[in-house]
Amino acid sequence: LEDGTEIDDEYLATCGDYTVFTVLRPSETIKYIPQKAKELVGHFTRLLASRPNEVVAALEPYKSRLIEQLLGSIESLEVPEHVLLADSKDQDPKWFEGEKRATSKRKVMRERAKTRIKGYFYKSKEDLQKCVSENGKQCLGQLFEEFSALLRAGDHNGHYFVRGEEGALCCEKGQFLCQGTFSKPSCNSRVHRINPYGNREQLVCFSTWNLDHRVERSRSILPAIGKAIEEANGRILNARYFYKLLFTTDNLKLVHPVCHIKSEHGGFKCERAHWYVDDGAPCGDNGKVVWKNHSVRSTVD
């Protein structure tokens, strides 16, 4: 195999799709990945020790690309390619330890994403029911019925964690990159990356990564919904606007635990101008999309 493991005929019969192996004659030899990596590191260390300033200056323009390639090489050493790309339980049984009914990595990851989104749905509904007046609870119920319909239509955005699907937050091989703190366009750390498709340990570790609301759910979105219901005076709530803030990557960022800022997200808040549907103009998302067909009329007058 790629890591130098020798296999017999019995093992060969069990190899799944994407397995890479090399056939050698008795007189032939080959340098496998670990040996190549060891030799490369040794050569670079000797070169750096003999001419440090020149080496550093020469590598500076390529530093970012080299770091990316090095991290990718380390990942390939930790998880062989054929294991990483395997999807079924038969191909990678260790990955499925503790997953009693699951037979596909992609299905497991889809359910993980759906569970997170459903958690936001039920927690938000529970929190709002505690603070909305009796007169506003009918409107609140209608709003969450609309949320539920939108979530079902999009399979609760389960595709966010499924490699190979449009809109997934990972690459084709399943690697996720931290998207950075709420106030930054990207993450500054090159080590904030993870591939839960690789092995069971990374799958468990991935559960500590957070789908973080830039406009905060508890501090901004839910109070805005409650206030919008109480102040509606018969106007139509813009359900799609609040839906996108609560449940989609328009407002959610996947972040490493270090980049999950729990203090107040200054500068990010619900825009009052988008709370209600304006029949005379597009609404929501700065007027980019007309969402009038997905709305809830308040019964609070």
Protein backbone atom coordinates (compact mmCIF):
# COMPACT_ATOMS: atom_id res chain seq x y z
CA LEU A 1 0.00 0.00 0.00
CA GLU A 2 0.99 3.69 -0.06
CA ASP A 3 2.48 3.51 3.43
CA GLY A 4 4.62 0.45 2.64
CA THR A 5 2.33 -2.17 4.15
CA GLU A 6 2.65 -5.52 2.36
CA ILE A 7 -0.60 -7.37 1.66
CA ASP A 8 -1.48 -10.93 0.71
CA ASP A 9 -4.12 -12.31 -1.64
CA GLU A 10 -6.71 -12.55 1.13
CA TYR A 11 -6.32 -8.89 2.09
CA LEU A 12 -6.30 -7.84 -1.56
CA ALA A 13 -9.78 -9.30 -2.01
CA THR A 14 -11.12 -6.98 0.70
CA CYS A 15 -9.69 -3.74 -0.71
CA GLY A 16 -12.34 -1.21 -1.60
CA ASP A 17 -12.57 1.54 -4.19
CA TYR A 18 -9.72 4.08 -4.41
CA THR A 19 -7.18 1.66 -2.92
CA VAL A 20 -3.70 2.38 -4.31
CA PHE A 21 -1.11 -0.39 -4.29
CA THR A 22 2.24 -1.04 -6.00
CA VAL A 23 3.35 -4.35 -7.52
CA LEU A 24 7.12 -5.01 -7.37
CA ARG A 25 9.36 -7.72 -8.75
CA PRO A 26 11.72 -9.40 -6.27
CA SER A 27 14.64 -7.29 -7.52
CA GLU A 28 12.77 -3.97 -7.34
CA THR A 29 12.51 -1.49 -4.47
CA ILE A 30 10.48 1.64 -3.90
CA LYS A 31 10.60 4.54 -1.47
CA TYR A 32 7.27 4.85 0.31
CA ILE A 33 5.84 8.12 1.58
CA PRO A 34 7.24 7.95 5.16
CA GLN A 35 10.77 7.27 3.90
CA LYS A 36 10.56 10.05 1.31
CA ALA A 37 9.32 12.49 3.94
CA LYS A 38 12.12 11.55 6.33
CA GLU A 39 14.79 12.03 3.65
CA LEU A 40 13.30 15.36 2.56
CA VAL A 41 13.22 16.72 6.11
CA GLY A 42 16.80 15.57 6.70
CA HIS A 43 18.05 17.23 3.52
CA PHE A 44 16.24 20.49 4.30
CA THR A 45 17.59 20.51 7.87
CA ARG A 46 21.19 20.17 6.65
CA LEU A 47 20.67 22.89 4.07
CA LEU A 48 19.12 25.25 6.61
CA ALA A 49 21.97 24.67 9.07
CA SER A 50 24.64 25.47 6.48
CA ARG A 51 23.06 28.53 4.82
CA PRO A 52 20.16 29.74 7.00
CA ASN A 53 19.83 33.34 5.77
CA GLU A 54 19.93 32.44 2.09
CA VAL A 55 17.43 29.61 2.52
CA VAL A 56 14.95 31.76 4.44
CA ALA A 57 15.20 34.58 1.88
CA ALA A 58 14.72 32.19 -1.03
CA LEU A 59 11.66 30.54 0.51
CA GLU A 60 9.90 33.70 1.69
CA PRO A 61 7.86 34.26 -1.53
CA TYR A 62 6.65 30.65 -1.40
CA LYS A 63 6.11 30.34 2.35
CA SER A 64 2.32 30.21 2.31
CA ARG A 65 2.14 27.63 -0.48
CA LEU A 66 4.83 25.47 1.13
CA ILE A 67 3.02 25.47 4.46
CA GLU A 68 -0.21 24.41 2.74
CA GLN A 69 1.60 21.58 0.94
CA LEU A 70 3.36 20.47 4.12
CA LEU A 71 0.11 20.32 6.06
CA GLY A 72 -1.44 18.33 3.24
CA SER A 73 1.50 15.92 3.26
CA ILE A 74 1.22 15.44 7.02
CA GLU A 75 -2.48 14.68 6.64
CA SER A 76 -1.75 12.10 3.94
CA LEU A 77 0.77 10.41 6.24
CA GLU A 78 -1.76 10.24 9.06
CA VAL A 79 -4.61 8.91 6.89
CA PRO A 80 -3.84 6.92 3.71
CA GLU A 81 -5.68 8.19 0.65
CA HIS A 82 -7.74 5.04 0.16
CA VAL A 83 -8.99 5.25 3.75
CA LEU A 84 -9.71 8.97 3.51
CA LEU A 85 -11.79 8.56 0.35
CA ALA A 86 -13.60 5.44 1.55
CA ASP A 87 -17.27 6.00 2.36
CA SER A 88 -18.84 2.69 3.36
CA LYS A 89 -18.61 0.78 6.61
CA ASP A 90 -17.07 -2.17 4.78
CA GLN A 91 -14.24 0.01 3.49
CA ASP A 92 -13.37 1.73 6.79
CA PRO A 93 -14.98 -0.12 9.73
CA LYS A 94 -12.94 1.69 12.41
CA TRP A 95 -14.50 5.02 11.44
CA PHE A 96 -17.97 3.67 12.25
CA GLU A 97 -17.25 2.49 15.80
CA GLY A 98 -20.16 3.73 17.91
CA GLU A 99 -22.34 4.35 14.84
CA LYS A 100 -24.70 1.38 15.11
CA ARG A 101 -26.95 1.94 12.11
CA ALA A 102 -24.77 4.06 9.84
CA THR A 103 -23.33 2.58 6.66
CA SER A 104 -21.99 5.71 4.94
CA LYS A 105 -19.66 8.49 6.12
CA ARG A 106 -21.54 11.03 4.06
CA LYS A 107 -24.85 10.02 5.65
CA VAL A 108 -23.34 10.35 9.12
CA MET A 109 -22.01 13.81 8.34
CA ARG A 110 -25.36 14.86 6.85
CA GLU A 111 -27.11 13.85 10.07
CA ARG A 112 -24.50 15.73 12.13
CA ALA A 113 -25.23 18.93 10.21
CA LYS A 114 -28.99 18.44 10.42
CA THR A 115 -28.78 17.84 14.16
CA ARG A 116 -27.00 21.16 14.68
CA ILE A 117 -29.56 23.08 12.63
CA LYS A 118 -32.47 21.34 14.36
CA GLY A 119 -30.88 22.24 17.68
CA TYR A 120 -30.98 25.93 16.74
CA PHE A 121 -34.63 25.54 15.70
CA TYR A 122 -35.89 23.95 18.91
CA LYS A 123 -33.74 26.06 21.22
CA SER A 124 -34.85 29.28 19.51
CA LYS A 125 -38.51 28.29 19.67
CA GLU A 126 -38.23 27.40 23.34
CA ASP A 127 -36.45 30.66 24.22
CA LEU A 128 -38.96 32.83 22.36
CA GLN A 129 -41.99 31.14 23.89
CA LYS A 130 -40.75 32.32 27.27
CA CYS A 131 -40.57 36.00 26.34
CA VAL A 132 -43.36 36.61 23.80
CA SER A 133 -46.71 37.79 25.17
CA GLU A 134 -49.83 35.64 24.95
CA ASN A 135 -51.16 37.85 22.14
CA GLY A 136 -48.00 37.24 20.12
CA LYS A 137 -47.76 33.46 20.52
CA GLN A 138 -50.04 32.71 17.58
CA CYS A 139 -47.79 34.74 15.31
CA LEU A 140 -44.73 33.03 16.83
CA GLY A 141 -46.24 29.63 16.11
CA GLN A 142 -46.91 30.59 12.49
CA LEU A 143 -43.37 31.91 12.15
CA PHE A 144 -41.85 28.64 13.30
CA GLU A 145 -44.19 26.68 11.05
CA GLU A 146 -42.72 28.68 8.18
CA PHE A 147 -39.19 28.01 9.45
CA SER A 148 -40.00 24.30 9.66
CA ALA A 149 -41.29 24.23 6.07
CA LEU A 150 -38.18 25.99 4.79
CA LEU A 151 -35.90 23.63 6.71
CA ARG A 152 -37.69 20.54 5.43
CA ALA A 153 -37.47 21.85 1.87
CA GLY A 154 -33.70 22.18 2.26
CA ASP A 155 -33.24 18.91 4.20
CA HIS A 156 -32.32 21.00 7.25
CA ASN A 157 -29.18 22.14 5.39
CA GLY A 158 -27.58 18.76 5.95
CA HIS A 159 -25.41 19.32 2.88
CA TYR A 160 -23.17 21.70 4.84
CA PHE A 161 -21.06 18.76 6.09
CA VAL A 162 -21.34 16.43 3.08
CA ARG A 163 -18.28 16.32 0.86
CA GLY A 164 -19.00 16.52 -2.84
CA GLU A 165 -22.31 18.36 -2.48
CA GLU A 166 -22.97 21.89 -3.69
CA GLY A 167 -22.80 24.32 -0.80
CA ALA A 168 -20.73 22.01 1.41
CA LEU A 169 -18.33 23.72 3.81
CA CYS A 170 -15.55 21.25 2.98
CA CYS A 171 -13.49 20.33 -0.06
CA GLU A 172 -14.08 17.26 -2.23
CA LYS A 173 -11.99 15.11 0.13
CA GLY A 174 -13.85 16.35 3.20
CA GLN A 175 -11.41 18.81 4.73
CA PHE A 176 -12.94 21.75 6.60
CA LEU A 177 -11.09 25.03 7.10
CA CYS A 178 -11.93 27.40 9.93
CA GLN A 179 -13.70 30.48 8.56
CA GLY A 180 -12.32 32.78 11.23
CA THR A 181 -13.85 34.79 14.04
CA PHE A 182 -17.16 36.58 13.50
CA SER A 183 -15.48 39.89 12.62
CA LYS A 184 -12.89 38.58 10.13
CA PRO A 185 -13.32 37.38 6.54
CA SER A 186 -11.08 34.34 7.11
CA CYS A 187 -8.97 32.51 9.70
CA ASN A 188 -5.35 33.55 10.22
CA SER A 189 -4.26 30.13 11.48
CA ARG A 190 -3.19 27.54 8.94
CA VAL A 191 -3.54 24.74 11.47
CA HIS A 192 -7.26 25.35 12.03
CA ARG A 193 -8.30 22.58 9.66
CA ILE A 194 -9.85 19.16 10.12
CA ASN A 195 -11.06 16.22 8.08
CA PRO A 196 -13.66 14.21 10.02
CA TYR A 197 -13.86 11.77 7.10
CA GLY A 198 -10.30 10.60 7.83
CA ASN A 199 -10.64 8.74 11.12
CA ARG A 200 -12.79 8.38 14.21
CA GLU A 201 -10.61 10.70 16.28
CA GLN A 202 -11.06 13.60 13.87
CA LEU A 203 -14.79 12.93 13.68
CA VAL A 204 -15.04 13.25 17.47
CA CYS A 205 -12.86 16.36 17.46
CA PHE A 206 -15.05 17.93 14.78
CA SER A 207 -17.93 18.03 17.25
CA THR A 208 -16.04 20.79 19.10
CA TRP A 209 -16.12 23.03 16.03
CA ASN A 210 -18.97 25.52 16.09
CA LEU A 211 -21.47 26.88 13.59
CA ASP A 212 -21.26 30.39 14.95
CA HIS A 213 -23.86 33.10 14.31
CA ARG A 214 -22.19 36.36 13.27
CA VAL A 215 -25.37 38.21 14.16
CA GLU A 216 -25.85 36.49 17.50
CA ARG A 217 -28.81 34.22 18.00
CA SER A 218 -29.47 34.91 21.69
CA ARG A 219 -28.30 38.53 21.91
CA SER A 220 -29.68 39.89 18.64
CA ILE A 221 -31.84 37.62 16.46
CA LEU A 222 -34.26 36.30 19.08
CA PRO A 223 -34.80 39.67 20.78
CA ALA A 224 -35.42 41.20 17.34
CA ILE A 225 -38.02 38.52 16.50
CA GLY A 226 -39.78 39.07 19.81
CA LYS A 227 -39.81 42.81 19.34
CA ALA A 228 -40.93 42.51 15.71
CA ILE A 229 -43.93 40.43 16.80
CA GLU A 230 -44.93 42.81 19.60
CA GLU A 231 -44.57 45.93 17.43
CA ALA A 232 -46.00 44.51 14.19
CA ASN A 233 -49.44 46.16 14.38
CA GLY A 234 -50.75 43.77 11.73
CA ARG A 235 -47.70 44.01 9.46
CA ILE A 236 -46.23 40.89 7.82
CA LEU A 237 -43.09 39.48 9.41
CA ASN A 238 -40.25 38.76 7.01
CA ALA A 239 -39.85 35.06 7.85
CA ARG A 240 -37.16 34.46 5.24
CA TYR A 241 -34.93 37.18 6.65
CA PHE A 242 -34.95 35.66 10.12
CA TYR A 243 -34.66 32.14 8.67
CA LYS A 244 -31.46 33.01 6.86
CA LEU A 245 -29.98 34.58 9.98
CA LEU A 246 -30.78 31.59 12.17
CA PHE A 247 -30.16 28.61 9.92
CA THR A 248 -27.99 29.39 6.88
CA THR A 249 -24.41 30.28 6.03
CA ASP A 250 -25.56 33.78 5.20
CA ASN A 251 -24.97 34.28 8.92
CA LEU A 252 -23.32 31.04 10.12
CA LYS A 253 -19.56 30.49 10.10
CA LEU A 254 -17.83 27.18 10.82
CA VAL A 255 -15.09 27.93 13.33
CA HIS A 256 -12.38 26.17 15.30
CA PRO A 257 -12.95 26.35 19.10
CA VAL A 258 -10.21 28.99 19.40
CA CYS A 259 -12.03 31.23 16.91
CA HIS A 260 -15.41 30.88 18.61
CA ILE A 261 -15.78 34.24 20.34
CA LYS A 262 -18.44 34.05 23.05
CA SER A 263 -18.35 37.71 24.02
CA GLU A 264 -20.69 40.20 22.34
CA HIS A 265 -20.33 40.46 18.56
CA GLY A 266 -20.05 44.21 18.23
CA GLY A 267 -21.16 45.69 14.93
CA PHE A 268 -23.37 42.75 13.92
CA LYS A 269 -27.09 43.11 14.55
CA CYS A 270 -30.52 42.56 12.99
CA GLU A 271 -31.51 45.33 10.63
CA ARG A 272 -34.92 46.72 11.62
CA ALA A 273 -35.56 47.66 7.99
CA HIS A 274 -35.86 43.95 7.15
CA TRP A 275 -38.18 42.86 9.98
CA TYR A 276 -41.33 43.24 7.90
CA VAL A 277 -42.37 42.64 4.32
CA ASP A 278 -42.73 45.84 2.34
CA ASP A 279 -45.18 45.24 -0.50
CA GLY A 280 -43.69 48.10 -2.44
CA ALA A 281 -40.08 46.93 -2.49
CA PRO A 282 -37.85 43.85 -2.26
CA CYS A 283 -37.13 42.79 1.29
CA GLY A 284 -34.40 41.05 3.23
CA ASP A 285 -30.68 40.67 2.54
CA ASN A 286 -30.26 44.31 1.58
CA GLY A 287 -32.96 44.07 -1.08
CA LYS A 288 -31.24 41.35 -3.11
CA VAL A 289 -34.07 38.80 -2.88
CA VAL A 290 -37.83 39.19 -2.82
CA TRP A 291 -39.21 37.02 -0.03
CA LYS A 292 -42.82 38.22 0.05
CA ASN A 293 -44.15 34.73 -0.62
CA HIS A 294 -42.63 33.46 2.60
CA SER A 295 -44.05 35.65 5.34
CA VAL A 296 -46.13 35.62 8.50
CA ARG A 297 -48.79 38.16 9.32
CA SER A 298 -48.84 39.29 12.90
CA THR A 299 -52.10 39.11 14.82
CA VAL A 300 -50.83 41.63 17.34
CA ASP A 301 -52.62 44.97 16.74
